Amino acid sequence: MASNEVKLLGTSLSPFVLRARIALNLKSVDHVFMKVGIFTKKSDLFLKSNPVHKKMPILIHGDRPICESLIIVQYIDKVWASGPAILPSDPYDQATARFWAAYLDEGKLVK
């Protein structure tokens, strides 16, 4: 694999995977989307890339995996700095955006 190749592992039904896909598309990052079945046996690449939580999405940049959708979005925003910014540049505004994203992830708004 080329050192700058980008792969995203996940399912198209997950809002967390969708978050990473949107970030990659906003930054116009060429990538390969590798579908992972929700109820099927996970590939060796998937299990090797996220051995702790075994959750998706997983971004693989070169041979380095990045896990968790919010962390992936932050990584994409920093590595591919050209193009529109995803997160605000002001530290307070960035912290506020990350707070609300984490709040939504916890499902506090859904009853």
N, C-alpha and C. Protein backbone atom coordinates (compact mmCIF):
# COMPACT_ATOMS: atom_id res chain seq x y z
N MET A 1 0.85 -1.18 0.00
CA MET A 1 0.00 0.00 0.00
C MET A 1 0.89 1.24 0.00
N ALA A 2 0.51 2.20 -0.80
CA ALA A 2 1.25 3.45 -0.86
C ALA A 2 1.16 4.17 0.48
N SER A 3 2.20 4.92 0.82
CA SER A 3 2.25 5.55 2.13
C SER A 3 1.18 6.62 2.32
N ASN A 4 0.60 7.13 1.24
CA ASN A 4 -0.42 8.15 1.39
C ASN A 4 -1.82 7.66 1.02
N GLU A 5 -1.97 6.36 0.82
CA GLU A 5 -3.29 5.81 0.47
C GLU A 5 -4.23 5.93 1.66
N VAL A 6 -5.48 6.25 1.38
CA VAL A 6 -6.48 6.44 2.43
C VAL A 6 -7.61 5.43 2.23
N LYS A 7 -7.92 4.72 3.30
CA LYS A 7 -9.05 3.78 3.30
C LYS A 7 -9.95 4.14 4.47
N LEU A 8 -11.24 3.97 4.25
CA LEU A 8 -12.21 4.13 5.32
C LEU A 8 -12.99 2.84 5.42
N LEU A 9 -12.95 2.22 6.60
CA LEU A 9 -13.67 0.98 6.83
C LEU A 9 -14.93 1.28 7.62
N GLY A 10 -16.07 0.76 7.16
CA GLY A 10 -17.31 0.98 7.87
C GLY A 10 -18.51 0.52 7.06
N THR A 11 -19.67 0.80 7.59
CA THR A 11 -20.91 0.48 6.92
C THR A 11 -21.59 1.77 6.49
N SER A 12 -22.27 1.73 5.37
CA SER A 12 -22.91 2.95 4.88
C SER A 12 -24.13 3.35 5.71
N LEU A 13 -24.57 2.50 6.60
CA LEU A 13 -25.75 2.80 7.42
C LEU A 13 -25.42 3.55 8.71
N SER A 14 -24.16 3.66 9.06
CA SER A 14 -23.76 4.25 10.33
C SER A 14 -23.61 5.76 10.24
N PRO A 15 -24.24 6.51 11.15
CA PRO A 15 -24.04 7.97 11.14
C PRO A 15 -22.60 8.34 11.50
N PHE A 16 -21.91 7.49 12.24
CA PHE A 16 -20.52 7.76 12.61
C PHE A 16 -19.61 7.61 11.38
N VAL A 17 -19.87 6.60 10.58
CA VAL A 17 -19.12 6.41 9.33
C VAL A 17 -19.45 7.55 8.37
N LEU A 18 -20.71 7.94 8.32
CA LEU A 18 -21.13 9.04 7.46
C LEU A 18 -20.40 10.33 7.82
N ARG A 19 -20.20 10.57 9.10
CA ARG A 19 -19.47 11.76 9.56
C ARG A 19 -18.06 11.77 8.95
N ALA A 20 -17.38 10.63 8.98
CA ALA A 20 -16.02 10.55 8.42
C ALA A 20 -16.05 10.70 6.90
N ARG A 21 -17.05 10.10 6.25
CA ARG A 21 -17.15 10.20 4.78
C ARG A 21 -17.40 11.66 4.36
N ILE A 22 -18.23 12.36 5.09
CA ILE A 22 -18.50 13.77 4.78
C ILE A 22 -17.22 14.59 4.92
N ALA A 23 -16.46 14.35 5.98
CA ALA A 23 -15.20 15.09 6.18
C ALA A 23 -14.23 14.82 5.04
N LEU A 24 -14.09 13.56 4.64
CA LEU A 24 -13.20 13.22 3.51
C LEU A 24 -13.66 13.91 2.23
N ASN A 25 -14.97 13.94 2.00
CA ASN A 25 -15.49 14.59 0.79
C ASN A 25 -15.34 16.11 0.84
N LEU A 26 -15.54 16.71 2.02
CA LEU A 26 -15.35 18.16 2.14
C LEU A 26 -13.93 18.57 1.80
N LYS A 27 -12.97 17.73 2.18
CA LYS A 27 -11.56 18.02 1.93
C LYS A 27 -11.09 17.46 0.58
N SER A 28 -11.99 16.84 -0.18
CA SER A 28 -11.67 16.24 -1.48
C SER A 28 -10.51 15.25 -1.40
N VAL A 29 -10.55 14.40 -0.38
CA VAL A 29 -9.52 13.40 -0.17
C VAL A 29 -9.88 12.14 -0.96
N ASP A 30 -9.00 11.74 -1.85
CA ASP A 30 -9.20 10.48 -2.57
C ASP A 30 -9.06 9.34 -1.57
N HIS A 31 -10.04 8.47 -1.54
CA HIS A 31 -10.02 7.37 -0.57
C HIS A 31 -10.81 6.18 -1.13
N VAL A 32 -10.56 5.06 -0.51
CA VAL A 32 -11.29 3.83 -0.83
C VAL A 32 -12.21 3.54 0.35
N PHE A 33 -13.49 3.35 0.06
CA PHE A 33 -14.44 2.98 1.11
C PHE A 33 -14.58 1.47 1.10
N MET A 34 -14.24 0.85 2.21
CA MET A 34 -14.31 -0.60 2.33
C MET A 34 -15.47 -0.95 3.26
N LYS A 35 -16.53 -1.53 2.66
CA LYS A 35 -17.72 -1.86 3.45
C LYS A 35 -17.42 -2.99 4.42
N VAL A 36 -17.93 -2.82 5.63
CA VAL A 36 -17.82 -3.82 6.69
C VAL A 36 -19.23 -4.17 7.10
N GLY A 37 -19.54 -5.45 7.10
CA GLY A 37 -20.87 -5.89 7.51
C GLY A 37 -21.06 -5.74 9.01
N ILE A 38 -22.25 -5.35 9.40
CA ILE A 38 -22.54 -5.16 10.82
C ILE A 38 -22.59 -6.51 11.55
N PHE A 39 -23.20 -7.49 10.92
CA PHE A 39 -23.41 -8.77 11.58
C PHE A 39 -22.53 -9.89 11.03
N THR A 40 -21.55 -9.52 10.22
CA THR A 40 -20.67 -10.54 9.64
C THR A 40 -19.32 -10.54 10.36
N LYS A 41 -18.55 -11.58 10.12
CA LYS A 41 -17.23 -11.69 10.70
C LYS A 41 -16.36 -10.56 10.17
N LYS A 42 -15.66 -9.89 11.06
CA LYS A 42 -14.80 -8.77 10.67
C LYS A 42 -13.50 -9.29 10.08
N SER A 43 -12.97 -8.54 9.11
CA SER A 43 -11.73 -8.92 8.44
C SER A 43 -10.54 -8.77 9.39
N ASP A 44 -9.45 -9.41 9.02
CA ASP A 44 -8.22 -9.29 9.80
C ASP A 44 -7.74 -7.84 9.82
N LEU A 45 -7.88 -7.14 8.68
CA LEU A 45 -7.49 -5.73 8.61
C LEU A 45 -8.29 -4.91 9.61
N PHE A 46 -9.60 -5.16 9.68
CA PHE A 46 -10.47 -4.43 10.61
C PHE A 46 -10.04 -4.70 12.05
N LEU A 47 -9.87 -5.96 12.41
CA LEU A 47 -9.53 -6.33 13.79
C LEU A 47 -8.13 -5.85 14.17
N LYS A 48 -7.20 -5.87 13.22
CA LYS A 48 -5.85 -5.40 13.49
C LYS A 48 -5.82 -3.88 13.66
N SER A 49 -6.70 -3.19 12.94
CA SER A 49 -6.71 -1.73 12.96
C SER A 49 -7.38 -1.14 14.18
N ASN A 50 -8.30 -1.86 14.79
CA ASN A 50 -8.99 -1.38 15.99
C ASN A 50 -9.18 -2.55 16.96
N PRO A 51 -8.09 -3.05 17.53
CA PRO A 51 -8.19 -4.23 18.39
C PRO A 51 -8.83 -3.96 19.74
N VAL A 52 -8.92 -2.72 20.15
CA VAL A 52 -9.46 -2.40 21.48
C VAL A 52 -10.99 -2.43 21.46
N HIS A 53 -11.60 -1.57 20.65
CA HIS A 53 -13.06 -1.45 20.66
C HIS A 53 -13.74 -2.28 19.57
N LYS A 54 -13.00 -2.57 18.50
CA LYS A 54 -13.54 -3.32 17.36
C LYS A 54 -14.80 -2.65 16.79
N LYS A 55 -14.75 -1.30 16.72
CA LYS A 55 -15.88 -0.54 16.20
C LYS A 55 -15.46 0.21 14.95
N MET A 56 -16.44 0.63 14.19
CA MET A 56 -16.20 1.44 13.01
C MET A 56 -16.72 2.84 13.26
N PRO A 57 -16.22 3.81 12.54
CA PRO A 57 -15.33 3.74 11.40
C PRO A 57 -13.86 3.63 11.80
N ILE A 58 -13.08 3.20 10.82
CA ILE A 58 -11.63 3.19 10.95
C ILE A 58 -11.07 3.85 9.70
N LEU A 59 -10.26 4.88 9.90
CA LEU A 59 -9.56 5.51 8.79
C LEU A 59 -8.15 4.95 8.80
N ILE A 60 -7.69 4.50 7.65
CA ILE A 60 -6.31 4.03 7.54
C ILE A 60 -5.60 4.93 6.55
N HIS A 61 -4.63 5.67 7.05
CA HIS A 61 -3.85 6.59 6.23
C HIS A 61 -2.45 6.01 6.12
N GLY A 62 -2.12 5.53 4.92
CA GLY A 62 -0.89 4.76 4.77
C GLY A 62 -1.10 3.43 5.47
N ASP A 63 -0.31 3.17 6.48
CA ASP A 63 -0.51 1.95 7.27
C ASP A 63 -0.87 2.28 8.70
N ARG A 64 -1.32 3.52 8.95
CA ARG A 64 -1.62 3.97 10.31
C ARG A 64 -3.13 4.13 10.51
N PRO A 65 -3.72 3.33 11.40
CA PRO A 65 -5.17 3.43 11.63
C PRO A 65 -5.52 4.53 12.63
N ILE A 66 -6.65 5.18 12.36
CA ILE A 66 -7.22 6.18 13.28
C ILE A 66 -8.65 5.75 13.52
N CYS A 67 -9.05 5.69 14.79
CA CYS A 67 -10.38 5.20 15.16
C CYS A 67 -11.20 6.30 15.84
N GLU A 68 -12.49 6.11 15.87
CA GLU A 68 -13.48 7.01 16.47
C GLU A 68 -13.76 8.19 15.54
N SER A 69 -15.01 8.39 15.21
CA SER A 69 -15.39 9.36 14.18
C SER A 69 -14.96 10.79 14.49
N LEU A 70 -15.10 11.25 15.73
CA LEU A 70 -14.70 12.63 16.04
C LEU A 70 -13.20 12.81 15.90
N ILE A 71 -12.44 11.80 16.31
CA ILE A 71 -10.99 11.85 16.18
C ILE A 71 -10.60 11.82 14.71
N ILE A 72 -11.30 11.02 13.92
CA ILE A 72 -11.04 10.95 12.48
C ILE A 72 -11.29 12.31 11.82
N VAL A 73 -12.38 12.96 12.18
CA VAL A 73 -12.69 14.27 11.59
C VAL A 73 -11.60 15.28 11.95
N GLN A 74 -11.16 15.29 13.20
CA GLN A 74 -10.09 16.20 13.62
C GLN A 74 -8.80 15.91 12.85
N TYR A 75 -8.50 14.63 12.66
CA TYR A 75 -7.30 14.23 11.93
C TYR A 75 -7.38 14.70 10.48
N ILE A 76 -8.50 14.46 9.84
CA ILE A 76 -8.69 14.89 8.45
C ILE A 76 -8.52 16.40 8.33
N ASP A 77 -9.10 17.15 9.27
CA ASP A 77 -9.04 18.60 9.24
C ASP A 77 -7.60 19.10 9.35
N LYS A 78 -6.79 18.43 10.17
CA LYS A 78 -5.39 18.84 10.36
C LYS A 78 -4.49 18.40 9.21
N VAL A 79 -4.63 17.15 8.77
CA VAL A 79 -3.73 16.60 7.75
C VAL A 79 -3.98 17.23 6.39
N TRP A 80 -5.22 17.39 6.01
CA TRP A 80 -5.56 17.99 4.72
C TRP A 80 -6.05 19.41 4.99
N ALA A 81 -5.10 20.28 5.31
CA ALA A 81 -5.43 21.65 5.73
C ALA A 81 -5.96 22.51 4.59
N SER A 82 -5.65 22.14 3.34
CA SER A 82 -6.20 22.91 2.23
C SER A 82 -7.69 22.59 2.11
N GLY A 83 -8.41 23.50 1.55
CA GLY A 83 -9.85 23.30 1.45
C GLY A 83 -10.55 23.90 2.66
N PRO A 84 -11.85 23.76 2.70
CA PRO A 84 -12.60 24.38 3.80
C PRO A 84 -12.28 23.72 5.14
N ALA A 85 -12.21 24.55 6.16
CA ALA A 85 -12.00 24.03 7.51
C ALA A 85 -13.27 23.33 7.98
N ILE A 86 -13.09 22.23 8.68
CA ILE A 86 -14.24 21.51 9.22
C ILE A 86 -14.57 22.02 10.61
N LEU A 87 -13.54 22.19 11.41
CA LEU A 87 -13.72 22.69 12.77
C LEU A 87 -13.31 24.16 12.84
N PRO A 88 -13.91 24.92 13.74
CA PRO A 88 -13.51 26.32 13.88
C PRO A 88 -12.05 26.44 14.30
N SER A 89 -11.41 27.53 13.94
CA SER A 89 -10.00 27.72 14.32
C SER A 89 -9.86 28.23 15.75
N ASP A 90 -10.86 28.94 16.24
CA ASP A 90 -10.81 29.45 17.61
C ASP A 90 -10.92 28.28 18.60
N PRO A 91 -9.99 28.18 19.55
CA PRO A 91 -10.02 27.05 20.49
C PRO A 91 -11.33 26.90 21.27
N TYR A 92 -11.93 28.01 21.68
CA TYR A 92 -13.19 27.93 22.42
C TYR A 92 -14.31 27.40 21.51
N ASP A 93 -14.39 27.96 20.31
CA ASP A 93 -15.42 27.52 19.37
C ASP A 93 -15.22 26.05 18.99
N GLN A 94 -13.96 25.65 18.85
CA GLN A 94 -13.66 24.25 18.54
C GLN A 94 -14.09 23.34 19.69
N ALA A 95 -13.81 23.75 20.91
CA ALA A 95 -14.22 22.95 22.07
C ALA A 95 -15.74 22.85 22.15
N THR A 96 -16.42 23.94 21.84
CA THR A 96 -17.89 23.94 21.85
C THR A 96 -18.44 22.98 20.79
N ALA A 97 -17.86 23.02 19.60
CA ALA A 97 -18.31 22.12 18.53
C ALA A 97 -18.08 20.66 18.92
N ARG A 98 -16.92 20.37 19.54
CA ARG A 98 -16.63 19.00 19.95
C ARG A 98 -17.57 18.57 21.10
N PHE A 99 -17.92 19.50 21.99
CA PHE A 99 -18.86 19.19 23.07
C PHE A 99 -20.20 18.73 22.49
N TRP A 100 -20.74 19.52 21.53
CA TRP A 100 -22.06 19.19 20.99
C TRP A 100 -22.02 17.92 20.15
N ALA A 101 -20.92 17.69 19.46
CA ALA A 101 -20.80 16.43 18.71
C ALA A 101 -20.77 15.24 19.66
N ALA A 102 -20.03 15.35 20.75
CA ALA A 102 -19.98 14.26 21.74
C ALA A 102 -21.35 14.09 22.39
N TYR A 103 -22.04 15.19 22.63
CA TYR A 103 -23.38 15.14 23.23
C TYR A 103 -24.34 14.37 22.34
N LEU A 104 -24.28 14.64 21.05
CA LEU A 104 -25.13 13.93 20.10
C LEU A 104 -24.75 12.45 20.03
N ASP A 105 -23.45 12.17 20.09
CA ASP A 105 -22.98 10.78 20.05
C ASP A 105 -23.52 9.97 21.21
N GLU A 106 -23.67 10.61 22.35
CA GLU A 106 -24.18 9.91 23.54
C GLU A 106 -25.68 9.68 23.49
N GLY A 107 -26.34 10.26 22.50
CA GLY A 107 -27.78 10.06 22.31
C GLY A 107 -28.65 10.78 23.31
N LYS A 108 -28.15 11.85 23.88
CA LYS A 108 -28.91 12.57 24.90
C LYS A 108 -30.12 13.29 24.32
N LEU A 109 -30.11 13.59 23.02
CA LEU A 109 -31.23 14.29 22.43
C LEU A 109 -32.32 13.35 21.94
N VAL A 110 -32.01 12.07 21.88
CA VAL A 110 -32.97 11.09 21.39
C VAL A 110 -33.65 10.43 22.59
N LYS A 111 -34.97 10.44 22.58
CA LYS A 111 -35.71 9.83 23.69
C LYS A 111 -36.59 8.73 23.18
